[in-house]
Amino acid sequence: MILVACGLPGRFAEDCESLIAALGRSVTPGFRSFNADSLAGLGAALLQNDPGDALAVTRQPATDLVAQLKTMATPFVLAWENPEACVAALMQDHGLNFLEAVRATANSCAAAYALLRLPGALVLHREDAGTMAGIARKLGTHYRLGMAPEEIDAVAQTVTLRQPPPSAHGPGSAGDPDIDRLLPDLAAAALDPAQGWLRTGELQAVVWHRDLFYSGDQSGASPPPWIDVTGPARCLFYGPYIRLPAGNWSCSLLFGCRADAAGLGLVAEIFAGAVLARAEFTVGEAGFFELEFSCSLDADDPVEIRLFNPKAAFEGHICLIQAALRPLKAMRVSAKAG
């Protein structure tokens, strides 16, 4: 018996998984847990550990694992809570920094979205789940463990449902008033829409703050408020390596240019396993500009947006502000087909 559980990377999912493991041990001594995000990972864990009865936990299920769960109608649990609570838990409980925690949570939200409508899903949200005893009874029924209600209640008393840690806060403003007024709230812009996906099943636009990207001139660091383009051809910024649900998406890149960047040629790309979209343009004047292009995404590959100056530059300053990703839908027009 291999049970499957998916959850956003917060305390609620961890506590639900601890409860599932406790229920499993009450049925089968030696019941254990392991992590697997793909069929290959699941197979490797089974071959390596020979776990017998166990719980397979996934935070970012790959499309092959999702397809298998759908085909077999396998019972599984999707446990989630507000994404910003997951960010705080990743920082406090697991030592991630703020930006790492936002990226990890956003990736998990995108992966979990594919599970919402599968026939075997039991979706549990912290705010709606009730007491640990109530959750345990739902789990016992969903996984068909064959336990008596009093047995389930006894196991539920051994696992504590923890409260989420206090909300965490990220980096401050850029220190440039013209840029500060345009910058979105980093966590809310990236995660609140993703919470809406999981609540309603409908995709919404997300916005990725500049600090989620990486500087092309300083490995591992976010781009500075103003990027000095002076020097050889190179990548100026890239990232944020966050997954989005599969489908067609529009990307709107908001950036600024100073007067010394006039005449500068730039190239923007969207990469997710391959280059999906590319745009070349020349800066005409100082100001803030929006570049929009679209692409079709596979759910497994994280999105990388990158900006290059393809030729050496003698001077010029640009700033990245945000990237807004909007799901594209087919629109009905007032015409008859056929």
C-alpha atoms as a PDB file:
ATOM      1  CA  MET A   1       0.000   0.000   0.000  1.00  0.00           C
ATOM      2  CA  ILE A   2       1.579   3.267  -1.187  1.00  0.00           C
ATOM      3  CA  LEU A   3      -0.369   6.351  -0.087  1.00  0.00           C
ATOM      4  CA  VAL A   4       0.256   9.672  -1.841  1.00  0.00           C
ATOM      5  CA  ALA A   5       0.085  13.168  -0.358  1.00  0.00           C
ATOM      6  CA  CYS A   6       0.837  16.535  -1.901  1.00  0.00           C
ATOM      7  CA  GLY A   7       0.990  19.844  -0.084  1.00  0.00           C
ATOM      8  CA  LEU A   8       2.304  23.349  -0.159  1.00  0.00           C
ATOM      9  CA  PRO A   9       5.548  23.625   1.833  1.00  0.00           C
ATOM     10  CA  GLY A  10       4.050  24.786   5.129  1.00  0.00           C
ATOM     11  CA  ARG A  11       3.237  23.455   8.566  1.00  0.00           C
ATOM     12  CA  PHE A  12      -0.298  22.383   7.698  1.00  0.00           C
ATOM     13  CA  ALA A  13       0.810  19.948   4.983  1.00  0.00           C
ATOM     14  CA  GLU A  14       3.602  18.641   7.208  1.00  0.00           C
ATOM     15  CA  ASP A  15       1.165  18.017  10.064  1.00  0.00           C
ATOM     16  CA  CYS A  16      -1.319  16.288   7.755  1.00  0.00           C
ATOM     17  CA  GLU A  17       1.481  14.071   6.477  1.00  0.00           C
ATOM     18  CA  SER A  18       2.538  13.265  10.041  1.00  0.00           C
ATOM     19  CA  LEU A  19      -1.058  12.283  10.752  1.00  0.00           C
ATOM     20  CA  ILE A  20      -1.235  10.069   7.634  1.00  0.00           C
ATOM     21  CA  ALA A  21       2.001   8.369   8.665  1.00  0.00           C
ATOM     22  CA  ALA A  22       0.659   7.810  12.191  1.00  0.00           C
ATOM     23  CA  LEU A  23      -2.536   6.294  10.785  1.00  0.00           C
ATOM     24  CA  GLY A  24      -0.473   4.104   8.475  1.00  0.00           C
ATOM     25  CA  ARG A  25       1.690   2.825  11.353  1.00  0.00           C
ATOM     26  CA  SER A  26      -1.413   1.905  13.319  1.00  0.00           C
ATOM     27  CA  VAL A  27      -2.450  -0.341  10.420  1.00  0.00           C
ATOM     28  CA  THR A  28       1.004  -1.580   9.349  1.00  0.00           C
ATOM     29  CA  PRO A  29       4.013  -1.472  11.690  1.00  0.00           C
ATOM     30  CA  GLY A  30       7.068  -0.154   9.879  1.00  0.00           C
ATOM     31  CA  PHE A  31       5.007   2.236   7.743  1.00  0.00           C
ATOM     32  CA  ARG A  32       7.351   5.011   6.581  1.00  0.00           C
ATOM     33  CA  SER A  33       7.435   8.183   4.458  1.00  0.00           C
ATOM     34  CA  PHE A  34       9.603   9.263   1.540  1.00  0.00           C
ATOM     35  CA  ASN A  35       9.682  12.103  -0.998  1.00  0.00           C
ATOM     36  CA  ALA A  36       9.002  11.646  -4.723  1.00  0.00           C
ATOM     37  CA  ASP A  37       8.036  14.336  -7.238  1.00  0.00           C
ATOM     38  CA  SER A  38       7.993  12.161 -10.380  1.00  0.00           C
ATOM     39  CA  LEU A  39       7.376   8.577 -11.470  1.00  0.00           C
ATOM     40  CA  ALA A  40      11.138   8.130 -11.798  1.00  0.00           C
ATOM     41  CA  GLY A  41      11.635   9.431  -8.270  1.00  0.00           C
ATOM     42  CA  LEU A  42       8.856   7.195  -6.985  1.00  0.00           C
ATOM     43  CA  GLY A  43      10.349   4.137  -8.678  1.00  0.00           C
ATOM     44  CA  ALA A  44      13.853   4.932  -7.424  1.00  0.00           C
ATOM     45  CA  ALA A  45      12.589   5.304  -3.851  1.00  0.00           C
ATOM     46  CA  LEU A  46      10.742   1.996  -4.018  1.00  0.00           C
ATOM     47  CA  LEU A  47      13.749   0.159  -5.443  1.00  0.00           C
ATOM     48  CA  GLN A  48      16.227   1.762  -3.067  1.00  0.00           C
ATOM     49  CA  ASN A  49      14.278   1.512   0.157  1.00  0.00           C
ATOM     50  CA  ASP A  50      11.824  -1.334  -0.463  1.00  0.00           C
ATOM     51  CA  PRO A  51       9.465   0.482   1.904  1.00  0.00           C
ATOM     52  CA  GLY A  52       6.487  -1.877   1.686  1.00  0.00           C
ATOM     53  CA  ASP A  53       3.552   0.158   2.968  1.00  0.00           C
ATOM     54  CA  ALA A  54       4.513   3.827   2.871  1.00  0.00           C
ATOM     55  CA  LEU A  55       3.536   7.432   2.232  1.00  0.00           C
ATOM     56  CA  ALA A  56       4.935   9.168  -0.866  1.00  0.00           C
ATOM     57  CA  VAL A  57       5.101  12.929  -0.285  1.00  0.00           C
ATOM     58  CA  THR A  58       5.400  15.428  -3.142  1.00  0.00           C
ATOM     59  CA  ARG A  59       5.748  19.203  -3.044  1.00  0.00           C
ATOM     60  CA  GLN A  60       6.122  19.779  -6.806  1.00  0.00           C
ATOM     61  CA  PRO A  61       4.552  16.831  -8.655  1.00  0.00           C
ATOM     62  CA  ALA A  62       5.794  16.396 -12.230  1.00  0.00           C
ATOM     63  CA  THR A  63       3.369  15.886 -15.107  1.00  0.00           C
ATOM     64  CA  ASP A  64       4.090  12.151 -15.335  1.00  0.00           C
ATOM     65  CA  LEU A  65       3.139  11.654 -11.684  1.00  0.00           C
ATOM     66  CA  VAL A  66       0.006  13.792 -12.159  1.00  0.00           C
ATOM     67  CA  ALA A  67      -0.951  11.755 -15.239  1.00  0.00           C
ATOM     68  CA  GLN A  68      -0.524   8.503 -13.319  1.00  0.00           C
ATOM     69  CA  LEU A  69      -2.682   9.726 -10.441  1.00  0.00           C
ATOM     70  CA  LYS A  70      -5.340  10.733 -12.956  1.00  0.00           C
ATOM     71  CA  THR A  71      -5.242   7.494 -14.951  1.00  0.00           C
ATOM     72  CA  MET A  72      -5.425   5.240 -11.900  1.00  0.00           C
ATOM     73  CA  ALA A  73      -7.794   7.530  -9.930  1.00  0.00           C
ATOM     74  CA  THR A  74      -5.426   6.989  -6.996  1.00  0.00           C
ATOM     75  CA  PRO A  75      -6.672   8.474  -3.704  1.00  0.00           C
ATOM     76  CA  PHE A  76      -4.372  11.274  -2.573  1.00  0.00           C
ATOM     77  CA  VAL A  77      -4.493  14.342  -0.355  1.00  0.00           C
ATOM     78  CA  LEU A  78      -3.712  17.913  -1.378  1.00  0.00           C
ATOM     79  CA  ALA A  79      -3.094  19.916   1.807  1.00  0.00           C
ATOM     80  CA  TRP A  80      -2.534  23.639   1.576  1.00  0.00           C
ATOM     81  CA  GLU A  81      -2.740  26.886   3.468  1.00  0.00           C
ATOM     82  CA  ASN A  82      -2.183  30.535   2.618  1.00  0.00           C
ATOM     83  CA  PRO A  83       1.059  30.690   0.602  1.00  0.00           C
ATOM     84  CA  GLU A  84       2.529  33.506   2.700  1.00  0.00           C
ATOM     85  CA  ALA A  85       2.262  31.220   5.755  1.00  0.00           C
ATOM     86  CA  CYS A  86       4.320  28.697   3.791  1.00  0.00           C
ATOM     87  CA  VAL A  87       6.967  31.353   3.118  1.00  0.00           C
ATOM     88  CA  ALA A  88       7.226  32.086   6.839  1.00  0.00           C
ATOM     89  CA  ALA A  89       7.437  28.367   7.691  1.00  0.00           C
ATOM     90  CA  LEU A  90      10.177  27.742   5.128  1.00  0.00           C
ATOM     91  CA  MET A  91      12.189  30.579   6.636  1.00  0.00           C
ATOM     92  CA  GLN A  92      11.626  29.760  10.305  1.00  0.00           C
ATOM     93  CA  ASP A  93      11.557  25.956  10.182  1.00  0.00           C
ATOM     94  CA  HIS A  94      13.874  25.184   7.260  1.00  0.00           C
ATOM     95  CA  GLY A  95      16.309  28.104   7.090  1.00  0.00           C
ATOM     96  CA  LEU A  96      15.487  29.430   3.626  1.00  0.00           C
ATOM     97  CA  ASN A  97      15.885  33.124   2.964  1.00  0.00           C
ATOM     98  CA  PHE A  98      12.866  35.192   1.932  1.00  0.00           C
ATOM     99  CA  LEU A  99      13.425  35.035  -1.825  1.00  0.00           C
ATOM    100  CA  GLU A 100      14.149  31.299  -1.789  1.00  0.00           C
ATOM    101  CA  ALA A 101      10.993  30.713   0.236  1.00  0.00           C
ATOM    102  CA  VAL A 102       8.823  32.744  -2.163  1.00  0.00           C
ATOM    103  CA  ARG A 103      10.222  30.868  -5.176  1.00  0.00           C
ATOM    104  CA  ALA A 104       9.706  27.465  -3.530  1.00  0.00           C
ATOM    105  CA  THR A 105       6.137  28.298  -2.516  1.00  0.00           C
ATOM    106  CA  ALA A 106       5.248  29.711  -5.943  1.00  0.00           C
ATOM    107  CA  ASN A 107       6.628  26.579  -7.626  1.00  0.00           C
ATOM    108  CA  SER A 108       4.574  24.367  -5.342  1.00  0.00           C
ATOM    109  CA  CYS A 109       1.392  26.356  -6.035  1.00  0.00           C
ATOM    110  CA  ALA A 110       1.841  25.934  -9.796  1.00  0.00           C
ATOM    111  CA  ALA A 111       2.461  22.201  -9.468  1.00  0.00           C
ATOM    112  CA  ALA A 112      -0.459  21.658  -7.079  1.00  0.00           C
ATOM    113  CA  TYR A 113      -2.879  23.394  -9.462  1.00  0.00           C
ATOM    114  CA  ALA A 114      -2.733  20.404 -11.822  1.00  0.00           C
ATOM    115  CA  LEU A 115      -4.088  18.139  -9.055  1.00  0.00           C
ATOM    116  CA  LEU A 116      -7.238  20.068  -8.161  1.00  0.00           C
ATOM    117  CA  ARG A 117      -9.716  18.313 -10.441  1.00  0.00           C
ATOM    118  CA  LEU A 118      -8.298  14.791 -10.361  1.00  0.00           C
ATOM    119  CA  PRO A 119     -10.833  12.132  -9.333  1.00  0.00           C
ATOM    120  CA  GLY A 120      -8.761  10.871  -6.390  1.00  0.00           C
ATOM    121  CA  ALA A 121      -8.187  14.255  -4.747  1.00  0.00           C
ATOM    122  CA  LEU A 122      -9.114  15.137  -1.180  1.00  0.00           C
ATOM    123  CA  VAL A 123      -8.367  18.852  -0.941  1.00  0.00           C
ATOM    124  CA  LEU A 124      -7.777  20.149   2.589  1.00  0.00           C
ATOM    125  CA  HIS A 125      -7.289  23.830   3.383  1.00  0.00           C
ATOM    126  CA  ARG A 126      -6.231  24.835   6.873  1.00  0.00           C
ATOM    127  CA  GLU A 127      -9.097  27.316   7.285  1.00  0.00           C
ATOM    128  CA  ASP A 128     -11.736  24.742   6.314  1.00  0.00           C
ATOM    129  CA  ALA A 129     -10.246  21.503   7.618  1.00  0.00           C
ATOM    130  CA  GLY A 130     -11.503  21.624  11.224  1.00  0.00           C
ATOM    131  CA  THR A 131      -9.916  19.740  14.112  1.00  0.00           C
ATOM    132  CA  MET A 132      -7.188  17.132  13.864  1.00  0.00           C
ATOM    133  CA  ALA A 133      -9.735  14.459  14.777  1.00  0.00           C
ATOM    134  CA  GLY A 134     -11.997  15.608  11.948  1.00  0.00           C
ATOM    135  CA  ILE A 135      -9.075  15.620   9.507  1.00  0.00           C
ATOM    136  CA  ALA A 136      -8.049  12.138  10.636  1.00  0.00           C
ATOM    137  CA  ARG A 137     -11.531  10.761   9.966  1.00  0.00           C
ATOM    138  CA  LYS A 138     -11.537  12.282   6.476  1.00  0.00           C
ATOM    139  CA  LEU A 139      -8.147  10.722   5.814  1.00  0.00           C
ATOM    140  CA  GLY A 140      -9.182   7.305   7.117  1.00  0.00           C
ATOM    141  CA  THR A 141     -12.238   7.292   4.859  1.00  0.00           C
ATOM    142  CA  HIS A 142     -10.446   8.684   1.807  1.00  0.00           C
ATOM    143  CA  TYR A 143      -7.562   6.214   1.967  1.00  0.00           C
ATOM    144  CA  ARG A 144      -9.928   3.351   2.886  1.00  0.00           C
ATOM    145  CA  LEU A 145      -7.801   2.332   5.857  1.00  0.00           C
ATOM    146  CA  GLY A 146     -10.573   0.263   7.450  1.00  0.00           C
ATOM    147  CA  MET A 147     -10.040   1.726  10.924  1.00  0.00           C
ATOM    148  CA  ALA A 148     -12.778   2.143  13.519  1.00  0.00           C
ATOM    149  CA  PRO A 149     -13.672   5.749  14.421  1.00  0.00           C
ATOM    150  CA  GLU A 150     -12.333   5.372  17.954  1.00  0.00           C
ATOM    151  CA  GLU A 151      -9.019   4.072  16.593  1.00  0.00           C
ATOM    152  CA  ILE A 152      -8.737   7.071  14.304  1.00  0.00           C
ATOM    153  CA  ASP A 153      -9.551   9.480  17.124  1.00  0.00           C
ATOM    154  CA  ALA A 154      -6.866   7.890  19.307  1.00  0.00           C
ATOM    155  CA  VAL A 155      -4.239   8.351  16.590  1.00  0.00           C
ATOM    156  CA  ALA A 156      -5.336  11.964  16.008  1.00  0.00           C
ATOM    157  CA  GLN A 157      -4.537  12.769  19.636  1.00  0.00           C
ATOM    158  CA  THR A 158      -0.876  11.884  19.027  1.00  0.00           C
ATOM    159  CA  VAL A 159      -0.334  14.560  16.353  1.00  0.00           C
ATOM    160  CA  THR A 160      -0.467  18.311  17.000  1.00  0.00           C
ATOM    161  CA  LEU A 161      -1.815  20.745  14.439  1.00  0.00           C
ATOM    162  CA  ARG A 162       0.631  23.628  14.653  1.00  0.00           C
ATOM    163  CA  GLN A 163      -0.200  27.269  14.007  1.00  0.00           C
ATOM    164  CA  PRO A 164       1.583  29.045  11.149  1.00  0.00           C
ATOM    165  CA  PRO A 165       4.486  31.309  12.133  1.00  0.00           C
ATOM    166  CA  PRO A 166       4.163  35.109  11.928  1.00  0.00           C
ATOM    167  CA  SER A 167       4.284  36.549   8.417  1.00  0.00           C
ATOM    168  CA  ALA A 168       7.751  37.218   7.034  1.00  0.00           C
ATOM    169  CA  HIS A 169       8.860  40.347   5.207  1.00  0.00           C
ATOM    170  CA  GLY A 170      11.293  40.706   2.367  1.00  0.00           C
ATOM    171  CA  PRO A 171      13.768  43.290   1.077  1.00  0.00           C
ATOM    172  CA  GLY A 172      12.996  46.981   1.269  1.00  0.00           C
ATOM    173  CA  SER A 173      12.535  49.427  -1.574  1.00  0.00           C
ATOM    174  CA  ALA A 174      15.076  50.290  -4.224  1.00  0.00           C
ATOM    175  CA  GLY A 175      15.788  53.719  -2.791  1.00  0.00           C
ATOM    176  CA  ASP A 176      14.853  55.464  -6.061  1.00  0.00           C
ATOM    177  CA  PRO A 177      11.464  57.250  -5.798  1.00  0.00           C
ATOM    178  CA  ASP A 178      10.717  56.842  -9.511  1.00  0.00           C
ATOM    179  CA  ILE A 179      11.206  53.092  -9.258  1.00  0.00           C
ATOM    180  CA  ASP A 180       9.731  52.635  -5.774  1.00  0.00           C
ATOM    181  CA  ARG A 181       6.300  53.823  -6.853  1.00  0.00           C
ATOM    182  CA  LEU A 182       6.162  51.151  -9.560  1.00  0.00           C
ATOM    183  CA  LEU A 183       7.424  48.178  -7.577  1.00  0.00           C
ATOM    184  CA  PRO A 184       4.736  45.645  -6.528  1.00  0.00           C
ATOM    185  CA  ASP A 185       4.598  43.975  -3.128  1.00  0.00           C
ATOM    186  CA  LEU A 186       6.936  41.054  -3.732  1.00  0.00           C
ATOM    187  CA  ALA A 187       5.175  38.207  -1.925  1.00  0.00           C
ATOM    188  CA  ALA A 188       1.580  39.341  -2.460  1.00  0.00           C
ATOM    189  CA  ALA A 189       2.001  39.936  -6.198  1.00  0.00           C
ATOM    190  CA  ALA A 190       3.526  36.507  -6.743  1.00  0.00           C
ATOM    191  CA  LEU A 191       1.485  34.436  -4.291  1.00  0.00           C
ATOM    192  CA  ASP A 192      -1.978  35.962  -3.762  1.00  0.00           C
ATOM    193  CA  PRO A 193      -3.078  35.119  -7.334  1.00  0.00           C
ATOM    194  CA  ALA A 194      -1.716  31.585  -6.891  1.00  0.00           C
ATOM    195  CA  GLN A 195      -3.851  31.257  -3.771  1.00  0.00           C
ATOM    196  CA  GLY A 196      -6.781  32.273  -5.946  1.00  0.00           C
ATOM    197  CA  TRP A 197      -5.945  29.476  -8.391  1.00  0.00           C
ATOM    198  CA  LEU A 198      -6.206  26.909  -5.634  1.00  0.00           C
ATOM    199  CA  ARG A 199      -9.384  28.418  -4.160  1.00  0.00           C
ATOM    200  CA  THR A 200     -11.340  28.805  -7.395  1.00  0.00           C
ATOM    201  CA  GLY A 201      -9.585  26.601  -9.942  1.00  0.00           C
ATOM    202  CA  GLU A 202      -9.291  29.626 -12.246  1.00  0.00           C
ATOM    203  CA  LEU A 203      -5.901  30.988 -13.279  1.00  0.00           C
ATOM    204  CA  GLN A 204      -5.076  34.622 -12.558  1.00  0.00           C
ATOM    205  CA  ALA A 205      -2.180  36.883 -13.511  1.00  0.00           C
ATOM    206  CA  VAL A 206       0.923  36.850 -11.322  1.00  0.00           C
ATOM    207  CA  VAL A 207       3.575  39.545 -11.008  1.00  0.00           C
ATOM    208  CA  TRP A 208       7.245  38.817 -10.341  1.00  0.00           C
ATOM    209  CA  HIS A 209       9.097  41.600  -8.536  1.00  0.00           C
ATOM    210  CA  ARG A 210      12.595  42.521  -9.718  1.00  0.00           C
ATOM    211  CA  ASP A 211      14.210  41.008  -6.626  1.00  0.00           C
ATOM    212  CA  LEU A 212      13.057  37.505  -7.652  1.00  0.00           C
ATOM    213  CA  PHE A 213      15.433  37.737 -10.624  1.00  0.00           C
ATOM    214  CA  TYR A 214      19.226  37.403 -10.681  1.00  0.00           C
ATOM    215  CA  SER A 215      21.890  39.879 -11.724  1.00  0.00           C
ATOM    216  CA  GLY A 216      23.906  38.944 -14.797  1.00  0.00           C
ATOM    217  CA  ASP A 217      26.926  40.725 -13.295  1.00  0.00           C
ATOM    218  CA  GLN A 218      26.806  39.358  -9.749  1.00  0.00           C
ATOM    219  CA  SER A 219      26.050  35.648  -9.424  1.00  0.00           C
ATOM    220  CA  GLY A 220      23.262  34.811  -6.982  1.00  0.00           C
ATOM    221  CA  ALA A 221      22.322  38.443  -6.277  1.00  0.00           C
ATOM    222  CA  SER A 222      19.194  40.336  -7.295  1.00  0.00           C
ATOM    223  CA  PRO A 223      19.621  43.038  -9.940  1.00  0.00           C
ATOM    224  CA  PRO A 224      20.562  46.488  -8.613  1.00  0.00           C
ATOM    225  CA  PRO A 225      18.027  49.335  -8.951  1.00  0.00           C
ATOM    226  CA  TRP A 226      19.932  50.537 -12.040  1.00  0.00           C
ATOM    227  CA  ILE A 227      21.992  48.195 -14.215  1.00  0.00           C
ATOM    228  CA  ASP A 228      25.077  49.741 -15.836  1.00  0.00           C
ATOM    229  CA  VAL A 229      25.132  48.292 -19.358  1.00  0.00           C
ATOM    230  CA  THR A 230      28.635  49.631 -20.069  1.00  0.00           C
ATOM    231  CA  GLY A 231      30.930  46.826 -21.167  1.00  0.00           C
ATOM    232  CA  PRO A 232      30.801  43.677 -23.296  1.00  0.00           C
ATOM    233  CA  ALA A 233      27.737  41.922 -24.655  1.00  0.00           C
ATOM    234  CA  ARG A 234      26.199  39.855 -21.858  1.00  0.00           C
ATOM    235  CA  CYS A 235      23.081  38.770 -20.015  1.00  0.00           C
ATOM    236  CA  LEU A 236      21.926  41.652 -17.808  1.00  0.00           C
ATOM    237  CA  PHE A 237      19.383  39.772 -15.687  1.00  0.00           C
ATOM    238  CA  TYR A 238      17.640  36.391 -15.672  1.00  0.00           C
ATOM    239  CA  GLY A 239      15.208  34.294 -13.635  1.00  0.00           C
ATOM    240  CA  PRO A 240      13.133  33.819 -11.557  1.00  0.00           C
ATOM    241  CA  TYR A 241      12.931  30.033 -12.184  1.00  0.00           C
ATOM    242  CA  ILE A 242       9.309  29.741 -11.088  1.00  0.00           C
ATOM    243  CA  ARG A 243       6.861  27.271 -12.595  1.00  0.00           C
ATOM    244  CA  LEU A 244       3.473  28.208 -14.004  1.00  0.00           C
ATOM    245  CA  PRO A 245       0.561  25.889 -14.807  1.00  0.00           C
ATOM    246  CA  ALA A 246       0.660  24.535 -18.352  1.00  0.00           C
ATOM    247  CA  GLY A 247      -1.018  26.695 -20.961  1.00  0.00           C
ATOM    248  CA  ASN A 248      -0.687  29.869 -22.976  1.00  0.00           C
ATOM    249  CA  TRP A 249       0.679  32.891 -21.147  1.00  0.00           C
ATOM    250  CA  SER A 250       1.428  36.510 -21.956  1.00  0.00           C
ATOM    251  CA  CYS A 251       4.517  38.081 -20.391  1.00  0.00           C
ATOM    252  CA  SER A 252       4.692  41.839 -19.894  1.00  0.00           C
ATOM    253  CA  LEU A 253       8.175  43.049 -18.941  1.00  0.00           C
ATOM    254  CA  LEU A 254       8.294  46.487 -17.299  1.00  0.00           C
ATOM    255  CA  PHE A 255      11.656  48.264 -17.311  1.00  0.00           C
ATOM    256  CA  GLY A 256      13.118  51.762 -17.312  1.00  0.00           C
ATOM    257  CA  CYS A 257      15.874  53.424 -19.300  1.00  0.00           C
ATOM    258  CA  ARG A 258      17.911  56.551 -18.628  1.00  0.00           C
ATOM    259  CA  ALA A 259      18.794  59.001 -21.381  1.00  0.00           C
ATOM    260  CA  ASP A 260      22.282  57.516 -21.748  1.00  0.00           C
ATOM    261  CA  ALA A 261      20.693  54.237 -22.928  1.00  0.00           C
ATOM    262  CA  ALA A 262      19.112  55.807 -26.047  1.00  0.00           C
ATOM    263  CA  GLY A 263      20.092  53.813 -29.132  1.00  0.00           C
ATOM    264  CA  LEU A 264      20.914  50.706 -27.085  1.00  0.00           C
ATOM    265  CA  GLY A 265      19.815  47.410 -28.625  1.00  0.00           C
ATOM    266  CA  LEU A 266      18.402  44.752 -26.299  1.00  0.00           C
ATOM    267  CA  VAL A 267      17.093  41.198 -26.641  1.00  0.00           C
ATOM    268  CA  ALA A 268      14.529  39.573 -24.312  1.00  0.00           C
ATOM    269  CA  GLU A 269      13.757  35.849 -24.167  1.00  0.00           C
ATOM    270  CA  ILE A 270      11.475  33.443 -22.334  1.00  0.00           C
ATOM    271  CA  PHE A 271      13.091  30.065 -21.703  1.00  0.00           C
ATOM    272  CA  ALA A 272      11.434  26.960 -20.242  1.00  0.00           C
ATOM    273  CA  GLY A 273      13.225  23.862 -21.505  1.00  0.00           C
ATOM    274  CA  ALA A 274      13.774  25.750 -24.770  1.00  0.00           C
ATOM    275  CA  VAL A 275      13.544  29.340 -26.005  1.00  0.00           C
ATOM    276  CA  LEU A 276       9.775  29.876 -26.313  1.00  0.00           C
ATOM    277  CA  ALA A 277       9.687  33.562 -27.285  1.00  0.00           C
ATOM    278  CA  ARG A 278      12.226  36.195 -28.313  1.00  0.00           C
ATOM    279  CA  ALA A 279      11.997  39.940 -28.916  1.00  0.00           C
ATOM    280  CA  GLU A 280      14.594  42.432 -30.149  1.00  0.00           C
ATOM    281  CA  PHE A 281      14.179  46.178 -29.667  1.00  0.00           C
ATOM    282  CA  THR A 282      16.103  49.445 -29.537  1.00  0.00           C
ATOM    283  CA  VAL A 283      15.755  52.011 -26.754  1.00  0.00           C
ATOM    284  CA  GLY A 284      14.505  55.247 -28.297  1.00  0.00           C
ATOM    285  CA  GLU A 285      14.417  57.602 -25.311  1.00  0.00           C
ATOM    286  CA  ALA A 286      14.454  57.833 -21.537  1.00  0.00           C
ATOM    287  CA  GLY A 287      11.413  56.568 -19.671  1.00  0.00           C
ATOM    288  CA  PHE A 288       9.570  53.467 -18.545  1.00  0.00           C
ATOM    289  CA  PHE A 289       8.552  50.879 -21.111  1.00  0.00           C
ATOM    290  CA  GLU A 290       6.525  47.689 -21.317  1.00  0.00           C
ATOM    291  CA  LEU A 291       7.487  44.836 -23.617  1.00  0.00           C
ATOM    292  CA  GLU A 292       4.877  42.132 -24.144  1.00  0.00           C
ATOM    293  CA  PHE A 293       5.248  38.715 -25.714  1.00  0.00           C
ATOM    294  CA  SER A 294       3.529  35.355 -25.327  1.00  0.00           C
ATOM    295  CA  CYS A 295       4.435  31.698 -25.053  1.00  0.00           C
ATOM    296  CA  SER A 296       3.009  28.228 -24.451  1.00  0.00           C
ATOM    297  CA  LEU A 297       4.312  26.567 -21.288  1.00  0.00           C
ATOM    298  CA  ASP A 298       4.809  22.993 -20.164  1.00  0.00           C
ATOM    299  CA  ALA A 299       4.056  22.631 -16.466  1.00  0.00           C
ATOM    300  CA  ASP A 300       7.356  20.906 -15.543  1.00  0.00           C
ATOM    301  CA  ASP A 301       9.914  23.509 -16.607  1.00  0.00           C
ATOM    302  CA  PRO A 302      10.468  26.641 -14.503  1.00  0.00           C
ATOM    303  CA  VAL A 303      10.261  29.922 -16.366  1.00  0.00           C
ATOM    304  CA  GLU A 304      13.411  31.913 -17.051  1.00  0.00           C
ATOM    305  CA  ILE A 305      13.084  35.429 -18.464  1.00  0.00           C
ATOM    306  CA  ARG A 306      16.365  36.982 -19.560  1.00  0.00           C
ATOM    307  CA  LEU A 307      17.525  40.270 -21.054  1.00  0.00           C
ATOM    308  CA  PHE A 308      20.734  40.662 -23.089  1.00  0.00           C
ATOM    309  CA  ASN A 309      22.667  43.465 -24.663  1.00  0.00           C
ATOM    310  CA  PRO A 310      23.855  41.642 -27.804  1.00  0.00           C
ATOM    311  CA  LYS A 311      26.643  44.153 -28.539  1.00  0.00           C
ATOM    312  CA  ALA A 312      29.218  45.950 -26.411  1.00  0.00           C
ATOM    313  CA  ALA A 313      27.956  49.253 -24.972  1.00  0.00           C
ATOM    314  CA  PHE A 314      29.934  52.388 -24.099  1.00  0.00           C
ATOM    315  CA  GLU A 315      27.292  53.676 -21.693  1.00  0.00           C
ATOM    316  CA  GLY A 316      23.701  53.206 -20.584  1.00  0.00           C
ATOM    317  CA  HIS A 317      21.583  52.418 -17.558  1.00  0.00           C
ATOM    318  CA  ILE A 318      18.403  50.343 -17.421  1.00  0.00           C
ATOM    319  CA  CYS A 319      16.275  49.039 -14.556  1.00  0.00           C
ATOM    320  CA  LEU A 320      14.033  46.006 -14.296  1.00  0.00           C
ATOM    321  CA  ILE A 321      10.820  46.589 -12.349  1.00  0.00           C
ATOM    322  CA  GLN A 322       8.635  43.546 -12.795  1.00  0.00           C
ATOM    323  CA  ALA A 323       7.373  40.820 -15.090  1.00  0.00           C
ATOM    324  CA  ALA A 324       3.606  40.275 -15.227  1.00  0.00           C
ATOM    325  CA  LEU A 325       2.380  36.882 -16.460  1.00  0.00           C
ATOM    326  CA  ARG A 326      -1.224  36.653 -17.610  1.00  0.00           C
ATOM    327  CA  PRO A 327      -3.055  33.475 -18.721  1.00  0.00           C
ATOM    328  CA  LEU A 328      -4.358  33.722 -22.275  1.00  0.00           C
ATOM    329  CA  LYS A 329      -7.822  32.421 -23.099  1.00  0.00           C
ATOM    330  CA  ALA A 330      -9.620  31.885 -26.385  1.00  0.00           C
ATOM    331  CA  MET A 331     -12.190  34.650 -26.857  1.00  0.00           C
ATOM    332  CA  ARG A 332     -15.480  34.024 -28.628  1.00  0.00           C
ATOM    333  CA  VAL A 333     -16.237  36.433 -31.487  1.00  0.00           C
ATOM    334  CA  SER A 334     -19.640  37.299 -32.959  1.00  0.00           C
ATOM    335  CA  ALA A 335     -19.353  35.176 -36.100  1.00  0.00           C
ATOM    336  CA  LYS A 336     -20.794  31.813 -37.136  1.00  0.00           C
ATOM    337  CA  ALA A 337     -18.499  28.858 -37.779  1.00  0.00           C
ATOM    338  CA  GLY A 338     -18.914  26.632 -40.848  1.00  0.00           C
END
